[in-house]
Amino acid sequence: MKTERKEEFKVSGQELLQKVKQLIKDGNVRRISIKSKSDKTIIEIPLTVGVVGAVIAPVLAAVAAIAALVTDCTLTVERVA
């Protein structure tokens, strides 16, 4: 039976894209949510095991645009253990 666990990371806008790329590379991430300082969800990124570069490229472009607009944010990561 697969279990899920959640983790939260506080990152600056400059660190956001790099952290998301690292999490995707880890491979056991089911969903990433980016929240603003006011705890509003800006974007939720569902990920599957078969995600490849061509599919994830537009998502990373959106994350880069968000990173340019926010100073600090929180990443909530759902992992499959």
C-alpha atoms as a PDB file:
ATOM      1  CA  MET A   1       0.000   0.000   0.000  1.00  0.00           C
ATOM      2  CA  LYS A   2       1.335   3.396  -0.999  1.00  0.00           C
ATOM      3  CA  THR A   3       1.261   6.152   1.564  1.00  0.00           C
ATOM      4  CA  GLU A   4       1.386   9.861   0.949  1.00  0.00           C
ATOM      5  CA  ARG A   5       3.207  12.456   2.961  1.00  0.00           C
ATOM      6  CA  LYS A   6       3.331  16.218   2.691  1.00  0.00           C
ATOM      7  CA  GLU A   7       6.299  18.504   3.104  1.00  0.00           C
ATOM      8  CA  GLU A   8       6.497  22.285   3.035  1.00  0.00           C
ATOM      9  CA  PHE A   9       9.419  24.416   1.942  1.00  0.00           C
ATOM     10  CA  LYS A  10       9.661  28.191   2.267  1.00  0.00           C
ATOM     11  CA  VAL A  11      11.631  29.582  -0.661  1.00  0.00           C
ATOM     12  CA  SER A  12      12.359  32.938  -2.215  1.00  0.00           C
ATOM     13  CA  GLY A  13      11.298  33.765  -5.745  1.00  0.00           C
ATOM     14  CA  GLN A  14      14.884  33.295  -6.880  1.00  0.00           C
ATOM     15  CA  GLU A  15      15.053  29.768  -5.451  1.00  0.00           C
ATOM     16  CA  LEU A  16      11.605  28.682  -6.645  1.00  0.00           C
ATOM     17  CA  LEU A  17      12.411  27.353 -10.126  1.00  0.00           C
ATOM     18  CA  GLN A  18      15.530  25.517  -8.975  1.00  0.00           C
ATOM     19  CA  LYS A  19      13.643  23.851  -6.099  1.00  0.00           C
ATOM     20  CA  VAL A  20      10.777  22.745  -8.373  1.00  0.00           C
ATOM     21  CA  LYS A  21      13.256  21.268 -10.868  1.00  0.00           C
ATOM     22  CA  GLN A  22      14.977  19.393  -8.033  1.00  0.00           C
ATOM     23  CA  LEU A  23      11.667  18.027  -6.738  1.00  0.00           C
ATOM     24  CA  ILE A  24      10.629  16.829 -10.205  1.00  0.00           C
ATOM     25  CA  LYS A  25      13.997  15.138 -10.624  1.00  0.00           C
ATOM     26  CA  ASP A  26      13.497  13.279  -7.304  1.00  0.00           C
ATOM     27  CA  GLY A  27      10.711  11.351  -9.006  1.00  0.00           C
ATOM     28  CA  ASN A  28       8.484  10.374  -6.087  1.00  0.00           C
ATOM     29  CA  VAL A  29       6.486  13.616  -6.092  1.00  0.00           C
ATOM     30  CA  ARG A  30       2.772  13.379  -6.843  1.00  0.00           C
ATOM     31  CA  ARG A  31       1.783  17.062  -6.625  1.00  0.00           C
ATOM     32  CA  ILE A  32       3.458  20.433  -6.028  1.00  0.00           C
ATOM     33  CA  SER A  33       1.491  23.465  -4.840  1.00  0.00           C
ATOM     34  CA  ILE A  34       2.910  26.976  -4.783  1.00  0.00           C
ATOM     35  CA  LYS A  35       1.345  29.317  -2.242  1.00  0.00           C
ATOM     36  CA  SER A  36       1.847  33.040  -1.737  1.00  0.00           C
ATOM     37  CA  LYS A  37       2.695  34.711   1.569  1.00  0.00           C
ATOM     38  CA  SER A  38      -1.033  35.166   2.225  1.00  0.00           C
ATOM     39  CA  ASP A  39      -1.449  31.369   1.942  1.00  0.00           C
ATOM     40  CA  LYS A  40      -3.365  31.564  -1.363  1.00  0.00           C
ATOM     41  CA  THR A  41      -2.584  28.782  -3.814  1.00  0.00           C
ATOM     42  CA  ILE A  42      -1.025  30.273  -6.946  1.00  0.00           C
ATOM     43  CA  ILE A  43      -0.609  27.035  -8.895  1.00  0.00           C
ATOM     44  CA  GLU A  44      -0.930  23.289  -8.359  1.00  0.00           C
ATOM     45  CA  ILE A  45       1.188  21.002 -10.481  1.00  0.00           C
ATOM     46  CA  PRO A  46       0.060  17.373 -10.660  1.00  0.00           C
ATOM     47  CA  LEU A  47       2.906  15.034 -11.574  1.00  0.00           C
ATOM     48  CA  THR A  48       2.866  11.441 -12.711  1.00  0.00           C
ATOM     49  CA  VAL A  49       5.576   8.839 -12.982  1.00  0.00           C
ATOM     50  CA  GLY A  50       5.734   9.185 -16.772  1.00  0.00           C
ATOM     51  CA  VAL A  51       6.323  12.948 -16.938  1.00  0.00           C
ATOM     52  CA  VAL A  52       9.007  13.762 -19.511  1.00  0.00           C
ATOM     53  CA  GLY A  53      10.842  16.929 -20.505  1.00  0.00           C
ATOM     54  CA  ALA A  54       8.540  17.974 -23.361  1.00  0.00           C
ATOM     55  CA  VAL A  55       5.474  17.754 -21.123  1.00  0.00           C
ATOM     56  CA  ILE A  56       7.029  19.486 -18.129  1.00  0.00           C
ATOM     57  CA  ALA A  57       8.620  22.373 -20.087  1.00  0.00           C
ATOM     58  CA  PRO A  58       5.450  24.554 -20.133  1.00  0.00           C
ATOM     59  CA  VAL A  59       4.999  23.955 -16.408  1.00  0.00           C
ATOM     60  CA  LEU A  60       8.548  25.108 -15.712  1.00  0.00           C
ATOM     61  CA  ALA A  61       7.943  28.206 -17.856  1.00  0.00           C
ATOM     62  CA  ALA A  62       4.894  29.013 -15.706  1.00  0.00           C
ATOM     63  CA  VAL A  63       6.916  28.489 -12.524  1.00  0.00           C
ATOM     64  CA  ALA A  64       9.617  30.816 -13.866  1.00  0.00           C
ATOM     65  CA  ALA A  65       6.991  33.508 -14.511  1.00  0.00           C
ATOM     66  CA  ILE A  66       5.638  33.098 -10.986  1.00  0.00           C
ATOM     67  CA  ALA A  67       9.163  33.276  -9.567  1.00  0.00           C
ATOM     68  CA  ALA A  68       9.618  36.645 -11.249  1.00  0.00           C
ATOM     69  CA  LEU A  69       6.501  37.997  -9.514  1.00  0.00           C
ATOM     70  CA  VAL A  70       6.793  36.664  -5.950  1.00  0.00           C
ATOM     71  CA  THR A  71       9.356  37.443  -3.303  1.00  0.00           C
ATOM     72  CA  ASP A  72       8.653  34.588  -0.907  1.00  0.00           C
ATOM     73  CA  CYS A  73       6.386  31.583  -1.238  1.00  0.00           C
ATOM     74  CA  THR A  74       5.693  28.149   0.186  1.00  0.00           C
ATOM     75  CA  LEU A  75       5.968  24.907  -1.752  1.00  0.00           C
ATOM     76  CA  THR A  76       3.754  22.085  -0.547  1.00  0.00           C
ATOM     77  CA  VAL A  77       4.911  18.734  -1.865  1.00  0.00           C
ATOM     78  CA  GLU A  78       2.877  15.521  -1.793  1.00  0.00           C
ATOM     79  CA  ARG A  79       5.132  12.474  -2.039  1.00  0.00           C
ATOM     80  CA  VAL A  80       4.373   8.818  -2.508  1.00  0.00           C
ATOM     81  CA  ALA A  81       6.338   6.664  -0.091  1.00  0.00           C
END
